[in-house]
Amino acid sequence: MKGILSVFVVVAVIGFLSVSAFAVAVEEEKAKIDAVLTALHDAASKADGERYFSLYADNAIFYGTDST
């Protein structure tokens, strides 16, 4: 019984650590996305097209909102 409990505790700790590491990675990715979106909004509000489009990937396609 003691051995089974020890195995359970070890598995639970490993599971908790892996979930915690995943949560940290997700938060880091969210912070990166937030930084890019903030920079995009700032560049757009200042009509800084060069900086705005530098934030896009090299193969990005910009559709815009102009109806012409």
N, C-alpha and C. Protein backbone atom coordinates (compact mmCIF):
# COMPACT_ATOMS: atom_id res chain seq x y z
N MET A 1 0.82 -1.20 0.00
CA MET A 1 0.00 0.00 0.00
C MET A 1 0.86 1.26 0.00
N LYS A 2 1.95 1.21 0.81
CA LYS A 2 2.83 2.37 0.89
C LYS A 2 3.50 2.65 -0.46
N GLY A 3 3.84 1.58 -1.18
CA GLY A 3 4.46 1.73 -2.49
C GLY A 3 3.52 2.36 -3.50
N ILE A 4 2.27 1.96 -3.47
CA ILE A 4 1.27 2.51 -4.39
C ILE A 4 1.05 3.99 -4.10
N LEU A 5 1.01 4.34 -2.83
CA LEU A 5 0.83 5.73 -2.44
C LEU A 5 2.01 6.57 -2.90
N SER A 6 3.22 6.03 -2.76
CA SER A 6 4.42 6.75 -3.21
C SER A 6 4.39 6.98 -4.71
N VAL A 7 4.00 5.97 -5.47
CA VAL A 7 3.90 6.09 -6.92
C VAL A 7 2.85 7.14 -7.28
N PHE A 8 1.73 7.12 -6.60
CA PHE A 8 0.68 8.10 -6.86
C PHE A 8 1.17 9.52 -6.60
N VAL A 9 1.88 9.71 -5.50
CA VAL A 9 2.39 11.04 -5.16
C VAL A 9 3.39 11.51 -6.22
N VAL A 10 4.28 10.64 -6.65
CA VAL A 10 5.27 11.00 -7.67
C VAL A 10 4.57 11.36 -8.98
N VAL A 11 3.61 10.57 -9.39
CA VAL A 11 2.88 10.84 -10.63
C VAL A 11 2.10 12.16 -10.51
N ALA A 12 1.50 12.40 -9.37
CA ALA A 12 0.75 13.65 -9.17
C ALA A 12 1.68 14.85 -9.23
N VAL A 13 2.85 14.75 -8.62
CA VAL A 13 3.81 15.87 -8.64
C VAL A 13 4.29 16.12 -10.06
N ILE A 14 4.62 15.07 -10.79
CA ILE A 14 5.07 15.23 -12.18
C ILE A 14 3.96 15.85 -13.02
N GLY A 15 2.74 15.40 -12.83
CA GLY A 15 1.61 15.98 -13.57
C GLY A 15 1.42 17.44 -13.25
N PHE A 16 1.51 17.80 -11.98
CA PHE A 16 1.36 19.19 -11.58
C PHE A 16 2.46 20.06 -12.18
N LEU A 17 3.70 19.57 -12.15
CA LEU A 17 4.81 20.34 -12.70
C LEU A 17 4.68 20.55 -14.20
N SER A 18 4.21 19.52 -14.91
CA SER A 18 4.07 19.67 -16.36
C SER A 18 2.95 20.64 -16.70
N VAL A 19 1.87 20.62 -15.93
CA VAL A 19 0.77 21.57 -16.16
C VAL A 19 1.23 22.98 -15.84
N SER A 20 1.99 23.14 -14.78
CA SER A 20 2.51 24.46 -14.41
C SER A 20 3.43 25.01 -15.49
N ALA A 21 4.31 24.16 -16.02
CA ALA A 21 5.22 24.60 -17.08
C ALA A 21 4.44 25.00 -18.32
N PHE A 22 3.39 24.26 -18.64
CA PHE A 22 2.56 24.60 -19.80
C PHE A 22 1.88 25.94 -19.59
N ALA A 23 1.37 26.17 -18.38
CA ALA A 23 0.68 27.44 -18.09
C ALA A 23 1.64 28.61 -18.22
N VAL A 24 2.88 28.44 -17.78
CA VAL A 24 3.88 29.51 -17.90
C VAL A 24 4.17 29.77 -19.37
N ALA A 25 4.31 28.72 -20.17
CA ALA A 25 4.58 28.88 -21.60
C ALA A 25 3.43 29.60 -22.29
N VAL A 26 2.21 29.27 -21.92
CA VAL A 26 1.04 29.93 -22.52
C VAL A 26 1.03 31.41 -22.16
N GLU A 27 1.33 31.74 -20.92
CA GLU A 27 1.35 33.14 -20.50
C GLU A 27 2.45 33.91 -21.22
N GLU A 28 3.60 33.28 -21.45
CA GLU A 28 4.68 33.93 -22.19
C GLU A 28 4.26 34.22 -23.62
N GLU A 29 3.58 33.27 -24.24
CA GLU A 29 3.10 33.47 -25.61
C GLU A 29 2.04 34.57 -25.66
N LYS A 30 1.16 34.61 -24.68
CA LYS A 30 0.15 35.67 -24.63
C LYS A 30 0.81 37.03 -24.50
N ALA A 31 1.87 37.11 -23.70
CA ALA A 31 2.58 38.38 -23.52
C ALA A 31 3.22 38.84 -24.83
N LYS A 32 3.77 37.89 -25.60
CA LYS A 32 4.37 38.23 -26.90
C LYS A 32 3.30 38.73 -27.87
N ILE A 33 2.17 38.05 -27.90
CA ILE A 33 1.07 38.46 -28.78
C ILE A 33 0.57 39.84 -28.39
N ASP A 34 0.41 40.06 -27.10
CA ASP A 34 -0.05 41.37 -26.62
C ASP A 34 0.92 42.47 -27.02
N ALA A 35 2.22 42.19 -26.95
CA ALA A 35 3.21 43.20 -27.32
C ALA A 35 3.11 43.57 -28.80
N VAL A 36 2.92 42.56 -29.65
CA VAL A 36 2.80 42.83 -31.09
C VAL A 36 1.52 43.60 -31.39
N LEU A 37 0.41 43.19 -30.78
CA LEU A 37 -0.85 43.90 -31.02
C LEU A 37 -0.79 45.34 -30.52
N THR A 38 -0.16 45.55 -29.38
CA THR A 38 -0.01 46.91 -28.86
C THR A 38 0.84 47.75 -29.81
N ALA A 39 1.92 47.16 -30.33
CA ALA A 39 2.77 47.88 -31.29
C ALA A 39 2.01 48.18 -32.58
N LEU A 40 1.19 47.23 -33.05
CA LEU A 40 0.38 47.46 -34.25
C LEU A 40 -0.59 48.61 -34.04
N HIS A 41 -1.27 48.60 -32.91
CA HIS A 41 -2.24 49.67 -32.63
C HIS A 41 -1.54 51.02 -32.50
N ASP A 42 -0.38 51.03 -31.86
CA ASP A 42 0.36 52.28 -31.71
C ASP A 42 0.81 52.82 -33.06
N ALA A 43 1.37 51.94 -33.90
CA ALA A 43 1.83 52.37 -35.23
C ALA A 43 0.65 52.85 -36.08
N ALA A 44 -0.47 52.17 -36.00
CA ALA A 44 -1.65 52.58 -36.77
C ALA A 44 -2.16 53.94 -36.30
N SER A 45 -2.17 54.16 -35.00
CA SER A 45 -2.68 55.43 -34.48
C SER A 45 -1.78 56.61 -34.84
N LYS A 46 -0.51 56.31 -35.15
CA LYS A 46 0.43 57.37 -35.53
C LYS A 46 0.67 57.40 -37.04
N ALA A 47 -0.09 56.61 -37.78
CA ALA A 47 0.05 56.51 -39.24
C ALA A 47 1.48 56.20 -39.64
N ASP A 48 2.12 55.32 -38.88
CA ASP A 48 3.50 54.91 -39.15
C ASP A 48 3.48 53.60 -39.92
N GLY A 49 3.26 53.71 -41.23
CA GLY A 49 3.13 52.54 -42.08
C GLY A 49 4.35 51.66 -42.10
N GLU A 50 5.53 52.26 -42.08
CA GLU A 50 6.76 51.47 -42.13
C GLU A 50 6.86 50.56 -40.90
N ARG A 51 6.63 51.12 -39.73
CA ARG A 51 6.69 50.32 -38.50
C ARG A 51 5.53 49.33 -38.45
N TYR A 52 4.36 49.75 -38.89
CA TYR A 52 3.17 48.89 -38.88
C TYR A 52 3.43 47.62 -39.69
N PHE A 53 3.88 47.80 -40.93
CA PHE A 53 4.06 46.64 -41.79
C PHE A 53 5.31 45.84 -41.45
N SER A 54 6.24 46.42 -40.72
CA SER A 54 7.42 45.66 -40.29
C SER A 54 7.04 44.60 -39.26
N LEU A 55 5.88 44.74 -38.64
CA LEU A 55 5.44 43.78 -37.64
C LEU A 55 4.77 42.55 -38.26
N TYR A 56 4.48 42.62 -39.54
CA TYR A 56 3.88 41.49 -40.25
C TYR A 56 4.96 40.51 -40.69
N ALA A 57 4.58 39.25 -40.87
CA ALA A 57 5.50 38.24 -41.40
C ALA A 57 5.85 38.59 -42.84
N ASP A 58 6.98 38.10 -43.30
CA ASP A 58 7.43 38.40 -44.67
C ASP A 58 6.43 37.95 -45.73
N ASN A 59 5.71 36.87 -45.47
CA ASN A 59 4.77 36.35 -46.46
C ASN A 59 3.32 36.72 -46.15
N ALA A 60 3.11 37.70 -45.28
CA ALA A 60 1.76 38.12 -44.90
C ALA A 60 1.08 38.84 -46.06
N ILE A 61 -0.23 38.73 -46.11
CA ILE A 61 -1.03 39.44 -47.09
C ILE A 61 -1.93 40.41 -46.33
N PHE A 62 -1.83 41.70 -46.64
CA PHE A 62 -2.63 42.71 -45.97
C PHE A 62 -3.83 43.04 -46.85
N TYR A 63 -5.03 42.81 -46.33
CA TYR A 63 -6.24 43.08 -47.09
C TYR A 63 -6.79 44.47 -46.82
N GLY A 64 -6.59 45.01 -45.65
CA GLY A 64 -7.04 46.35 -45.33
C GLY A 64 -8.56 46.47 -45.30
N THR A 65 -9.02 47.72 -45.19
CA THR A 65 -10.46 47.96 -45.10
C THR A 65 -10.95 48.95 -46.15
N ASP A 66 -10.05 49.42 -47.01
CA ASP A 66 -10.43 50.38 -48.05
C ASP A 66 -11.27 49.67 -49.10
N SER A 67 -12.40 50.25 -49.45
CA SER A 67 -13.32 49.60 -50.39
C SER A 67 -12.92 49.79 -51.85
N THR A 68 -11.87 50.57 -52.13
CA THR A 68 -11.50 50.81 -53.53
C THR A 68 -10.61 49.73 -54.09
